[in-house]
Amino acid sequence: MCKFLKGCIKENITKREITMTQKQNAAMEQAIDLLINNDTDVSILFREDGLLKEITKRLVERALQSEMNNHLGYSKYNQSDAQNSRNGYNTKNLITKNGAVEIEVPRDRNSSFAPSLVAKRQRRLDGFDDKVLSLYAKGMSLSDIKLQLQELYGADVSESLISQIIDDIIEDVKLWQSRPLDPVYAIVFFDCLIVKVRQDKRIINKSVYVALGIDLEGRKDILGLWISENEGAKFWLGNFTEMKNRGIQDILIACSDNLNGMSEAIGAVFPKTEHQLCIVHQIRNSLRYVSYKDRKELAGDLKPIYTLAQKKKHFPL
């Protein structure tokens, strides 16, 4: 296909997408105008039994009807000769960001309908699990989370459900921690974050070590997160061995602060990797070799060196 024809097709698709977006925006504005006019008390939208919950209910039920139409191959009231057909509804209490909503889920006679928006045995929409995880990460107990969710959503959520959500998320975290990595990374940055965690019913500070990798195509990815009381060669040796077991064969440049034991560990697992300290630590190391009164002047003289755009232009070999 010639470039001109490709360009025409791309331009036509773009115009159609823009037109569709404009129509959607216009429809949204019209719906908002109908909801909010000069005679409407806007507060009714946000009450416990307000319009937002009703709108959520209608949207979810309409989407489920569309899924049923697609499943059966014909819309409601357009009966066909198909062997399967609609068979009433099941009611379900669904937890949404607007609160607990009772919805009607359509059924079919063959019991083969499996909706994707609200799957069987699903009791909450996307976003609810994130809220549970956020509360848990802040150190709240299961009973505290239950009370908080009751205030937020007006729903009585059992502690066993909260515990199950947390267990499911932890399982996803374990899968993420053990996922395969690329064979080669151009640069991997290592740094430390101080975060608050719950331990033995107390909130304490913990050091979380982060590995941020940049692959050969320039894409960034968090390669690993590790918590440790003390860093050292043994700690880093274990981390680098883990990364190697997950598929990394080589790291061109490892960049970090002057972390204790890192250089020795890198040399043992990835002997060809160049370990580069960050600029701040390189400057600090340089300033150690001069008297205190000369440090400010030396720091100023070093700045043109580490801010060079092209090394050869100023320092020809």
C-alpha atoms as a PDB file:
ATOM      1  CA  MET A   1       0.000   0.000   0.000  1.00  0.00           C
ATOM      2  CA  CYS A   2       1.447   3.403  -1.000  1.00  0.00           C
ATOM      3  CA  LYS A   3       2.291   6.035   1.615  1.00  0.00           C
ATOM      4  CA  PHE A   4      -0.329   8.432   0.201  1.00  0.00           C
ATOM      5  CA  LEU A   5      -3.118   5.856   0.561  1.00  0.00           C
ATOM      6  CA  LYS A   6      -1.957   4.945   4.064  1.00  0.00           C
ATOM      7  CA  GLY A   7      -1.991   8.615   4.985  1.00  0.00           C
ATOM      8  CA  CYS A   8      -5.520   9.077   3.636  1.00  0.00           C
ATOM      9  CA  ILE A   9      -6.798   6.052   5.561  1.00  0.00           C
ATOM     10  CA  LYS A  10      -5.100   7.216   8.765  1.00  0.00           C
ATOM     11  CA  GLU A  11      -6.494  10.739   8.351  1.00  0.00           C
ATOM     12  CA  ASN A  12      -9.997   9.362   7.724  1.00  0.00           C
ATOM     13  CA  ILE A  13      -9.840   7.151  10.828  1.00  0.00           C
ATOM     14  CA  THR A  14      -8.592  10.076  12.917  1.00  0.00           C
ATOM     15  CA  LYS A  15     -11.460  12.284  11.696  1.00  0.00           C
ATOM     16  CA  ARG A  16     -14.003   9.588  12.542  1.00  0.00           C
ATOM     17  CA  GLU A  17     -12.493   9.163  16.021  1.00  0.00           C
ATOM     18  CA  ILE A  18     -12.649  12.934  16.606  1.00  0.00           C
ATOM     19  CA  THR A  19     -16.264  13.046  15.387  1.00  0.00           C
ATOM     20  CA  MET A  20     -17.185  10.143  17.675  1.00  0.00           C
ATOM     21  CA  THR A  21     -15.508  11.831  20.641  1.00  0.00           C
ATOM     22  CA  GLN A  22     -17.332  15.086  19.899  1.00  0.00           C
ATOM     23  CA  LYS A  23     -20.668  13.242  19.756  1.00  0.00           C
ATOM     24  CA  GLN A  24     -19.921  11.488  23.044  1.00  0.00           C
ATOM     25  CA  ASN A  25     -18.976  14.773  24.706  1.00  0.00           C
ATOM     26  CA  ALA A  26     -22.141  16.435  23.385  1.00  0.00           C
ATOM     27  CA  ALA A  27     -24.280  13.570  24.677  1.00  0.00           C
ATOM     28  CA  MET A  28     -22.566  13.788  28.060  1.00  0.00           C
ATOM     29  CA  GLU A  29     -23.147  17.546  28.270  1.00  0.00           C
ATOM     30  CA  GLN A  30     -26.801  17.053  27.333  1.00  0.00           C
ATOM     31  CA  ALA A  31     -27.215  14.415  30.038  1.00  0.00           C
ATOM     32  CA  ILE A  32     -25.619  16.703  32.621  1.00  0.00           C
ATOM     33  CA  ASP A  33     -27.885  19.577  31.538  1.00  0.00           C
ATOM     34  CA  LEU A  34     -30.911  17.340  32.063  1.00  0.00           C
ATOM     35  CA  LEU A  35     -29.693  16.349  35.526  1.00  0.00           C
ATOM     36  CA  ILE A  36     -28.609  19.798  36.650  1.00  0.00           C
ATOM     37  CA  ASN A  37     -30.851  22.733  35.789  1.00  0.00           C
ATOM     38  CA  ASN A  38     -31.979  25.857  37.587  1.00  0.00           C
ATOM     39  CA  ASP A  39     -34.721  23.998  39.460  1.00  0.00           C
ATOM     40  CA  THR A  40     -32.594  21.047  40.621  1.00  0.00           C
ATOM     41  CA  ASP A  41     -31.092  20.696  44.069  1.00  0.00           C
ATOM     42  CA  VAL A  42     -27.595  19.445  43.165  1.00  0.00           C
ATOM     43  CA  SER A  43     -27.154  17.879  46.610  1.00  0.00           C
ATOM     44  CA  ILE A  44     -29.576  15.079  45.670  1.00  0.00           C
ATOM     45  CA  LEU A  45     -26.828  13.681  43.445  1.00  0.00           C
ATOM     46  CA  PHE A  46     -24.586  12.954  46.409  1.00  0.00           C
ATOM     47  CA  ARG A  47     -27.025  11.736  49.038  1.00  0.00           C
ATOM     48  CA  GLU A  48     -26.841   8.174  50.303  1.00  0.00           C
ATOM     49  CA  ASP A  49     -29.861   7.324  48.125  1.00  0.00           C
ATOM     50  CA  GLY A  50     -28.999   9.975  45.527  1.00  0.00           C
ATOM     51  CA  LEU A  51     -28.978  10.002  41.754  1.00  0.00           C
ATOM     52  CA  LEU A  52     -25.358   8.890  41.385  1.00  0.00           C
ATOM     53  CA  LYS A  53     -26.229   5.487  42.826  1.00  0.00           C
ATOM     54  CA  GLU A  54     -29.307   5.269  40.605  1.00  0.00           C
ATOM     55  CA  ILE A  55     -27.268   6.263  37.540  1.00  0.00           C
ATOM     56  CA  THR A  56     -24.666   3.619  38.407  1.00  0.00           C
ATOM     57  CA  LYS A  57     -27.440   1.023  38.745  1.00  0.00           C
ATOM     58  CA  ARG A  58     -28.987   1.959  35.381  1.00  0.00           C
ATOM     59  CA  LEU A  59     -25.634   1.997  33.551  1.00  0.00           C
ATOM     60  CA  VAL A  60     -24.569  -1.389  34.920  1.00  0.00           C
ATOM     61  CA  GLU A  61     -27.946  -2.974  34.151  1.00  0.00           C
ATOM     62  CA  ARG A  62     -27.981  -1.482  30.638  1.00  0.00           C
ATOM     63  CA  ALA A  63     -24.484  -2.863  30.003  1.00  0.00           C
ATOM     64  CA  LEU A  64     -25.572  -6.294  31.268  1.00  0.00           C
ATOM     65  CA  GLN A  65     -28.568  -6.201  28.908  1.00  0.00           C
ATOM     66  CA  SER A  66     -26.194  -5.458  26.018  1.00  0.00           C
ATOM     67  CA  GLU A  67     -24.018  -8.396  27.034  1.00  0.00           C
ATOM     68  CA  MET A  68     -27.108 -10.631  27.097  1.00  0.00           C
ATOM     69  CA  ASN A  69     -28.152  -9.391  23.628  1.00  0.00           C
ATOM     70  CA  ASN A  70     -24.719 -10.289  22.319  1.00  0.00           C
ATOM     71  CA  HIS A  71     -24.820 -13.671  24.058  1.00  0.00           C
ATOM     72  CA  LEU A  72     -28.226 -14.645  22.626  1.00  0.00           C
ATOM     73  CA  GLY A  73     -27.745 -13.012  19.241  1.00  0.00           C
ATOM     74  CA  TYR A  74     -30.914 -10.892  19.407  1.00  0.00           C
ATOM     75  CA  SER A  75     -32.213  -7.993  21.481  1.00  0.00           C
ATOM     76  CA  LYS A  76     -35.045  -8.042  23.985  1.00  0.00           C
ATOM     77  CA  TYR A  77     -38.577  -8.345  22.492  1.00  0.00           C
ATOM     78  CA  ASN A  78     -37.049  -9.545  19.186  1.00  0.00           C
ATOM     79  CA  GLN A  79     -37.653 -13.235  19.786  1.00  0.00           C
ATOM     80  CA  SER A  80     -35.846 -15.531  17.372  1.00  0.00           C
ATOM     81  CA  ASP A  81     -35.927 -19.252  16.680  1.00  0.00           C
ATOM     82  CA  ALA A  82     -32.880 -19.784  18.879  1.00  0.00           C
ATOM     83  CA  GLN A  83     -33.154 -22.503  21.507  1.00  0.00           C
ATOM     84  CA  ASN A  84     -31.874 -20.241  24.275  1.00  0.00           C
ATOM     85  CA  SER A  85     -33.830 -17.246  25.603  1.00  0.00           C
ATOM     86  CA  ARG A  86     -34.105 -14.832  28.517  1.00  0.00           C
ATOM     87  CA  ASN A  87     -35.280 -16.208  31.843  1.00  0.00           C
ATOM     88  CA  GLY A  88     -35.839 -13.318  34.236  1.00  0.00           C
ATOM     89  CA  TYR A  89     -33.305 -11.809  36.611  1.00  0.00           C
ATOM     90  CA  ASN A  90     -31.222 -12.433  39.693  1.00  0.00           C
ATOM     91  CA  THR A  91     -30.738  -9.600  42.175  1.00  0.00           C
ATOM     92  CA  LYS A  92     -27.251  -8.828  43.412  1.00  0.00           C
ATOM     93  CA  ASN A  93     -25.860  -6.279  45.871  1.00  0.00           C
ATOM     94  CA  LEU A  94     -22.875  -4.636  44.221  1.00  0.00           C
ATOM     95  CA  ILE A  95     -20.332  -2.427  45.969  1.00  0.00           C
ATOM     96  CA  THR A  96     -19.336   0.548  43.814  1.00  0.00           C
ATOM     97  CA  LYS A  97     -17.442   3.786  44.431  1.00  0.00           C
ATOM     98  CA  ASN A  98     -20.865   5.446  44.837  1.00  0.00           C
ATOM     99  CA  GLY A  99     -21.951   2.992  47.519  1.00  0.00           C
ATOM    100  CA  ALA A 100     -23.812  -0.316  47.674  1.00  0.00           C
ATOM    101  CA  VAL A 101     -26.226  -0.757  44.747  1.00  0.00           C
ATOM    102  CA  GLU A 102     -28.796  -3.495  44.164  1.00  0.00           C
ATOM    103  CA  ILE A 103     -28.791  -4.540  40.504  1.00  0.00           C
ATOM    104  CA  GLU A 104     -30.746  -7.012  38.388  1.00  0.00           C
ATOM    105  CA  VAL A 105     -28.586  -9.464  36.451  1.00  0.00           C
ATOM    106  CA  PRO A 106     -30.355 -11.082  33.465  1.00  0.00           C
ATOM    107  CA  ARG A 107     -30.527 -14.885  33.215  1.00  0.00           C
ATOM    108  CA  ASP A 108     -30.902 -17.227  30.256  1.00  0.00           C
ATOM    109  CA  ARG A 109     -32.720 -20.577  30.195  1.00  0.00           C
ATOM    110  CA  ASN A 110     -29.549 -22.554  29.435  1.00  0.00           C
ATOM    111  CA  SER A 111     -27.687 -20.874  32.323  1.00  0.00           C
ATOM    112  CA  SER A 112     -24.797 -20.219  29.943  1.00  0.00           C
ATOM    113  CA  PHE A 113     -24.704 -16.426  30.275  1.00  0.00           C
ATOM    114  CA  ALA A 114     -21.439 -15.310  31.919  1.00  0.00           C
ATOM    115  CA  PRO A 115     -21.271 -11.479  31.978  1.00  0.00           C
ATOM    116  CA  SER A 116     -17.834  -9.865  31.935  1.00  0.00           C
ATOM    117  CA  LEU A 117     -18.753  -6.535  33.548  1.00  0.00           C
ATOM    118  CA  VAL A 118     -20.099  -8.168  36.697  1.00  0.00           C
ATOM    119  CA  ALA A 119     -18.920 -11.760  36.700  1.00  0.00           C
ATOM    120  CA  LYS A 120     -20.654 -14.527  38.615  1.00  0.00           C
ATOM    121  CA  ARG A 121     -19.950 -14.290  42.361  1.00  0.00           C
ATOM    122  CA  GLN A 122     -18.462 -10.826  41.852  1.00  0.00           C
ATOM    123  CA  ARG A 123     -19.733  -8.429  44.509  1.00  0.00           C
ATOM    124  CA  ARG A 124     -17.653  -5.316  43.847  1.00  0.00           C
ATOM    125  CA  LEU A 125     -16.644  -3.182  40.894  1.00  0.00           C
ATOM    126  CA  ASP A 126     -13.067  -2.212  40.033  1.00  0.00           C
ATOM    127  CA  GLY A 127     -11.548   0.229  42.499  1.00  0.00           C
ATOM    128  CA  PHE A 128     -12.924  -1.385  45.653  1.00  0.00           C
ATOM    129  CA  ASP A 129      -9.937  -3.727  46.047  1.00  0.00           C
ATOM    130  CA  ASP A 130      -7.591  -0.741  45.634  1.00  0.00           C
ATOM    131  CA  LYS A 131      -9.364   0.997  48.507  1.00  0.00           C
ATOM    132  CA  VAL A 132      -8.989  -2.082  50.742  1.00  0.00           C
ATOM    133  CA  LEU A 133      -5.284  -2.338  49.887  1.00  0.00           C
ATOM    134  CA  SER A 134      -4.775   1.375  50.559  1.00  0.00           C
ATOM    135  CA  LEU A 135      -6.366   1.101  54.014  1.00  0.00           C
ATOM    136  CA  TYR A 136      -4.395  -2.066  54.799  1.00  0.00           C
ATOM    137  CA  ALA A 137      -1.133  -0.429  53.706  1.00  0.00           C
ATOM    138  CA  LYS A 138      -1.797   2.412  56.151  1.00  0.00           C
ATOM    139  CA  GLY A 139      -1.629  -0.108  58.972  1.00  0.00           C
ATOM    140  CA  MET A 140      -5.347  -0.457  59.705  1.00  0.00           C
ATOM    141  CA  SER A 141      -6.657  -3.695  61.204  1.00  0.00           C
ATOM    142  CA  LEU A 142      -9.377  -5.768  59.505  1.00  0.00           C
ATOM    143  CA  SER A 143     -12.010  -4.456  61.913  1.00  0.00           C
ATOM    144  CA  ASP A 144     -10.881  -0.852  61.284  1.00  0.00           C
ATOM    145  CA  ILE A 145     -11.061  -1.405  57.517  1.00  0.00           C
ATOM    146  CA  LYS A 146     -14.559  -2.885  57.892  1.00  0.00           C
ATOM    147  CA  LEU A 147     -15.779   0.214  59.751  1.00  0.00           C
ATOM    148  CA  GLN A 148     -14.113   2.538  57.248  1.00  0.00           C
ATOM    149  CA  LEU A 149     -15.728   0.761  54.281  1.00  0.00           C
ATOM    150  CA  GLN A 150     -19.084   0.918  56.029  1.00  0.00           C
ATOM    151  CA  GLU A 151     -18.724   4.703  56.270  1.00  0.00           C
ATOM    152  CA  LEU A 152     -17.488   5.053  52.675  1.00  0.00           C
ATOM    153  CA  TYR A 153     -19.895   2.701  50.884  1.00  0.00           C
ATOM    154  CA  GLY A 154     -22.698   2.040  53.342  1.00  0.00           C
ATOM    155  CA  ALA A 155     -22.020  -1.667  52.906  1.00  0.00           C
ATOM    156  CA  ASP A 156     -21.487  -4.329  55.550  1.00  0.00           C
ATOM    157  CA  VAL A 157     -18.301  -6.029  54.350  1.00  0.00           C
ATOM    158  CA  SER A 158     -17.155  -9.070  56.299  1.00  0.00           C
ATOM    159  CA  GLU A 159     -13.633  -9.321  57.679  1.00  0.00           C
ATOM    160  CA  SER A 160     -13.237 -12.633  55.826  1.00  0.00           C
ATOM    161  CA  LEU A 161     -13.902 -10.855  52.489  1.00  0.00           C
ATOM    162  CA  ILE A 162     -11.353  -8.167  53.369  1.00  0.00           C
ATOM    163  CA  SER A 163      -8.832 -10.859  54.294  1.00  0.00           C
ATOM    164  CA  GLN A 164      -9.517 -12.688  51.000  1.00  0.00           C
ATOM    165  CA  ILE A 165      -8.985  -9.484  48.993  1.00  0.00           C
ATOM    166  CA  ILE A 166      -5.659  -8.891  50.750  1.00  0.00           C
ATOM    167  CA  ASP A 167      -4.576 -12.514  50.174  1.00  0.00           C
ATOM    168  CA  ASP A 168      -5.460 -12.245  46.464  1.00  0.00           C
ATOM    169  CA  ILE A 169      -3.458  -9.030  46.141  1.00  0.00           C
ATOM    170  CA  ILE A 170      -0.482 -10.551  47.953  1.00  0.00           C
ATOM    171  CA  GLU A 171      -0.599 -13.478  45.506  1.00  0.00           C
ATOM    172  CA  ASP A 172      -0.510 -11.007  42.593  1.00  0.00           C
ATOM    173  CA  VAL A 173       2.468  -9.280  44.232  1.00  0.00           C
ATOM    174  CA  LYS A 174       4.324 -12.600  44.485  1.00  0.00           C
ATOM    175  CA  LEU A 175       3.702 -13.268  40.784  1.00  0.00           C
ATOM    176  CA  TRP A 176       5.009  -9.786  39.960  1.00  0.00           C
ATOM    177  CA  GLN A 177       8.105 -10.304  42.124  1.00  0.00           C
ATOM    178  CA  SER A 178       9.011 -13.542  40.325  1.00  0.00           C
ATOM    179  CA  ARG A 179       8.145 -12.483  36.746  1.00  0.00           C
ATOM    180  CA  PRO A 180      10.824 -13.043  34.039  1.00  0.00           C
ATOM    181  CA  LEU A 181      13.135 -10.128  33.190  1.00  0.00           C
ATOM    182  CA  ASP A 182      14.922  -9.135  29.968  1.00  0.00           C
ATOM    183  CA  PRO A 183      18.390 -10.614  29.272  1.00  0.00           C
ATOM    184  CA  VAL A 184      20.129  -7.210  29.072  1.00  0.00           C
ATOM    185  CA  TYR A 185      19.466  -3.786  30.593  1.00  0.00           C
ATOM    186  CA  ALA A 186      21.317  -0.650  29.522  1.00  0.00           C
ATOM    187  CA  ILE A 187      21.113   1.003  32.949  1.00  0.00           C
ATOM    188  CA  VAL A 188      19.711  -0.070  36.295  1.00  0.00           C
ATOM    189  CA  PHE A 189      19.293   2.560  39.006  1.00  0.00           C
ATOM    190  CA  PHE A 190      19.295   1.457  42.641  1.00  0.00           C
ATOM    191  CA  ASP A 191      17.902   3.645  45.393  1.00  0.00           C
ATOM    192  CA  CYS A 192      16.342   3.477  48.834  1.00  0.00           C
ATOM    193  CA  LEU A 193      12.963   4.738  50.046  1.00  0.00           C
ATOM    194  CA  ILE A 194      11.851   5.093  53.654  1.00  0.00           C
ATOM    195  CA  VAL A 195       8.223   3.994  54.111  1.00  0.00           C
ATOM    196  CA  LYS A 196       5.932   3.441  57.079  1.00  0.00           C
ATOM    197  CA  VAL A 197       4.738  -0.146  57.579  1.00  0.00           C
ATOM    198  CA  ARG A 198       2.694  -1.990  60.180  1.00  0.00           C
ATOM    199  CA  GLN A 199       4.651  -4.531  62.214  1.00  0.00           C
ATOM    200  CA  ASP A 200       3.664  -6.137  65.523  1.00  0.00           C
ATOM    201  CA  LYS A 201       0.740  -3.700  65.863  1.00  0.00           C
ATOM    202  CA  ARG A 202       3.107  -0.739  65.539  1.00  0.00           C
ATOM    203  CA  ILE A 203       3.847   1.678  62.684  1.00  0.00           C
ATOM    204  CA  ILE A 204       7.583   1.798  62.009  1.00  0.00           C
ATOM    205  CA  ASN A 205       9.922   3.071  59.292  1.00  0.00           C
ATOM    206  CA  LYS A 206      11.390   0.532  56.868  1.00  0.00           C
ATOM    207  CA  SER A 207      13.982   0.847  54.118  1.00  0.00           C
ATOM    208  CA  VAL A 208      12.709  -0.307  50.714  1.00  0.00           C
ATOM    209  CA  TYR A 209      15.403  -0.755  48.071  1.00  0.00           C
ATOM    210  CA  VAL A 210      14.268  -0.176  44.489  1.00  0.00           C
ATOM    211  CA  ALA A 211      15.783  -1.328  41.184  1.00  0.00           C
ATOM    212  CA  LEU A 212      14.644   0.751  38.186  1.00  0.00           C
ATOM    213  CA  GLY A 213      15.815  -0.711  34.870  1.00  0.00           C
ATOM    214  CA  ILE A 214      16.014   0.875  31.427  1.00  0.00           C
ATOM    215  CA  ASP A 215      16.032  -1.706  28.629  1.00  0.00           C
ATOM    216  CA  LEU A 216      17.770  -1.452  25.253  1.00  0.00           C
ATOM    217  CA  GLU A 217      14.732   0.304  23.769  1.00  0.00           C
ATOM    218  CA  GLY A 218      14.672   2.973  26.476  1.00  0.00           C
ATOM    219  CA  ARG A 219      11.658   1.631  28.367  1.00  0.00           C
ATOM    220  CA  LYS A 220      11.599   1.890  32.165  1.00  0.00           C
ATOM    221  CA  ASP A 221      10.512  -0.894  34.487  1.00  0.00           C
ATOM    222  CA  ILE A 222      10.696  -1.570  38.214  1.00  0.00           C
ATOM    223  CA  LEU A 223      12.736  -4.779  38.395  1.00  0.00           C
ATOM    224  CA  GLY A 224      12.467  -5.393  42.105  1.00  0.00           C
ATOM    225  CA  LEU A 225      11.623  -4.115  45.579  1.00  0.00           C
ATOM    226  CA  TRP A 226      13.397  -5.413  48.672  1.00  0.00           C
ATOM    227  CA  ILE A 227      12.995  -4.640  52.375  1.00  0.00           C
ATOM    228  CA  SER A 228      15.948  -5.058  54.695  1.00  0.00           C
ATOM    229  CA  GLU A 229      17.032  -3.889  58.123  1.00  0.00           C
ATOM    230  CA  ASN A 230      20.666  -3.651  57.069  1.00  0.00           C
ATOM    231  CA  GLU A 231      22.271  -3.420  53.655  1.00  0.00           C
ATOM    232  CA  GLY A 232      25.562  -5.100  52.879  1.00  0.00           C
ATOM    233  CA  ALA A 233      27.376  -7.361  50.435  1.00  0.00           C
ATOM    234  CA  LYS A 234      25.311 -10.403  51.496  1.00  0.00           C
ATOM    235  CA  PHE A 235      22.029  -8.516  51.014  1.00  0.00           C
ATOM    236  CA  TRP A 236      22.973  -7.243  47.555  1.00  0.00           C
ATOM    237  CA  LEU A 237      24.466 -10.577  46.523  1.00  0.00           C
ATOM    238  CA  GLY A 238      21.092 -12.192  47.196  1.00  0.00           C
ATOM    239  CA  ASN A 239      19.250  -9.514  45.203  1.00  0.00           C
ATOM    240  CA  PHE A 240      21.570  -9.720  42.185  1.00  0.00           C
ATOM    241  CA  THR A 241      21.416 -13.524  42.235  1.00  0.00           C
ATOM    242  CA  GLU A 242      17.612 -13.326  42.269  1.00  0.00           C
ATOM    243  CA  MET A 243      17.645 -10.939  39.272  1.00  0.00           C
ATOM    244  CA  LYS A 244      19.997 -13.275  37.400  1.00  0.00           C
ATOM    245  CA  ASN A 245      17.743 -16.266  38.117  1.00  0.00           C
ATOM    246  CA  ARG A 246      14.815 -14.270  36.665  1.00  0.00           C
ATOM    247  CA  GLY A 247      16.613 -13.905  33.333  1.00  0.00           C
ATOM    248  CA  ILE A 248      19.075 -11.003  33.465  1.00  0.00           C
ATOM    249  CA  GLN A 249      22.380 -11.928  31.828  1.00  0.00           C
ATOM    250  CA  ASP A 250      24.062  -8.539  31.833  1.00  0.00           C
ATOM    251  CA  ILE A 251      23.664  -4.971  33.110  1.00  0.00           C
ATOM    252  CA  LEU A 252      25.748  -2.429  31.215  1.00  0.00           C
ATOM    253  CA  ILE A 253      25.713   0.273  33.910  1.00  0.00           C
ATOM    254  CA  ALA A 254      24.534   0.028  37.512  1.00  0.00           C
ATOM    255  CA  CYS A 255      23.999   3.467  39.031  1.00  0.00           C
ATOM    256  CA  SER A 256      23.529   3.955  42.761  1.00  0.00           C
ATOM    257  CA  ASP A 257      24.405   5.915  45.857  1.00  0.00           C
ATOM    258  CA  ASN A 258      27.401   4.689  47.779  1.00  0.00           C
ATOM    259  CA  LEU A 259      25.408   1.708  49.077  1.00  0.00           C
ATOM    260  CA  ASN A 260      27.298  -0.569  51.419  1.00  0.00           C
ATOM    261  CA  GLY A 261      28.570  -3.771  49.782  1.00  0.00           C
ATOM    262  CA  MET A 262      27.031  -3.132  46.360  1.00  0.00           C
ATOM    263  CA  SER A 263      30.255  -2.940  44.321  1.00  0.00           C
ATOM    264  CA  GLU A 264      31.459  -6.308  45.633  1.00  0.00           C
ATOM    265  CA  ALA A 265      28.087  -7.959  44.962  1.00  0.00           C
ATOM    266  CA  ILE A 266      27.855  -6.593  41.400  1.00  0.00           C
ATOM    267  CA  GLY A 267      31.368  -7.819  40.628  1.00  0.00           C
ATOM    268  CA  ALA A 268      30.498 -11.306  41.861  1.00  0.00           C
ATOM    269  CA  VAL A 269      27.258 -11.744  39.866  1.00  0.00           C
ATOM    270  CA  PHE A 270      27.707  -9.389  36.886  1.00  0.00           C
ATOM    271  CA  PRO A 271      31.503  -8.977  36.508  1.00  0.00           C
ATOM    272  CA  LYS A 272      31.260  -6.916  33.287  1.00  0.00           C
ATOM    273  CA  THR A 273      28.869  -4.345  34.756  1.00  0.00           C
ATOM    274  CA  GLU A 274      30.171  -0.807  35.214  1.00  0.00           C
ATOM    275  CA  HIS A 275      29.213   0.499  38.659  1.00  0.00           C
ATOM    276  CA  GLN A 276      28.708   4.255  38.558  1.00  0.00           C
ATOM    277  CA  LEU A 277      27.997   6.347  41.626  1.00  0.00           C
ATOM    278  CA  CYS A 278      25.547   9.203  41.299  1.00  0.00           C
ATOM    279  CA  ILE A 279      26.967  12.702  40.768  1.00  0.00           C
ATOM    280  CA  VAL A 280      26.267  13.834  44.336  1.00  0.00           C
ATOM    281  CA  HIS A 281      28.287  11.001  45.840  1.00  0.00           C
ATOM    282  CA  GLN A 282      31.101  11.446  43.326  1.00  0.00           C
ATOM    283  CA  ILE A 283      31.377  15.115  44.315  1.00  0.00           C
ATOM    284  CA  ARG A 284      31.321  14.259  48.015  1.00  0.00           C
ATOM    285  CA  ASN A 285      34.065  11.699  47.510  1.00  0.00           C
ATOM    286  CA  SER A 286      36.170  14.279  45.640  1.00  0.00           C
ATOM    287  CA  LEU A 287      35.705  16.921  48.348  1.00  0.00           C
ATOM    288  CA  ARG A 288      37.116  14.593  50.989  1.00  0.00           C
ATOM    289  CA  TYR A 289      40.615  15.116  49.582  1.00  0.00           C
ATOM    290  CA  VAL A 290      40.714  18.916  50.065  1.00  0.00           C
ATOM    291  CA  SER A 291      40.589  21.165  53.099  1.00  0.00           C
ATOM    292  CA  TYR A 292      37.229  22.467  54.281  1.00  0.00           C
ATOM    293  CA  LYS A 293      37.976  26.074  53.222  1.00  0.00           C
ATOM    294  CA  ASP A 294      38.660  24.974  49.618  1.00  0.00           C
ATOM    295  CA  ARG A 295      35.610  22.724  49.173  1.00  0.00           C
ATOM    296  CA  LYS A 296      33.211  25.415  47.953  1.00  0.00           C
ATOM    297  CA  GLU A 297      35.669  26.586  45.279  1.00  0.00           C
ATOM    298  CA  LEU A 298      36.397  23.012  44.155  1.00  0.00           C
ATOM    299  CA  ALA A 299      32.674  22.193  43.971  1.00  0.00           C
ATOM    300  CA  GLY A 300      32.221  25.180  41.651  1.00  0.00           C
ATOM    301  CA  ASP A 301      35.160  24.062  39.476  1.00  0.00           C
ATOM    302  CA  LEU A 302      33.717  20.532  39.204  1.00  0.00           C
ATOM    303  CA  LYS A 303      30.314  21.682  37.960  1.00  0.00           C
ATOM    304  CA  PRO A 304      31.426  22.476  34.344  1.00  0.00           C
ATOM    305  CA  ILE A 305      32.867  18.957  34.137  1.00  0.00           C
ATOM    306  CA  TYR A 306      29.773  16.946  35.074  1.00  0.00           C
ATOM    307  CA  THR A 307      27.403  19.244  33.150  1.00  0.00           C
ATOM    308  CA  LEU A 308      29.266  18.897  29.837  1.00  0.00           C
ATOM    309  CA  ALA A 309      27.145  18.044  26.816  1.00  0.00           C
ATOM    310  CA  GLN A 310      30.145  16.680  24.883  1.00  0.00           C
ATOM    311  CA  LYS A 311      33.283  15.508  26.619  1.00  0.00           C
ATOM    312  CA  LYS A 312      35.546  15.608  23.530  1.00  0.00           C
ATOM    313  CA  LYS A 313      34.709  19.237  22.792  1.00  0.00           C
ATOM    314  CA  HIS A 314      36.380  20.426  25.997  1.00  0.00           C
ATOM    315  CA  PHE A 315      38.742  17.562  26.707  1.00  0.00           C
ATOM    316  CA  PRO A 316      40.072  16.268  23.351  1.00  0.00           C
ATOM    317  CA  LEU A 317      41.879  12.956  23.584  1.00  0.00           C
END
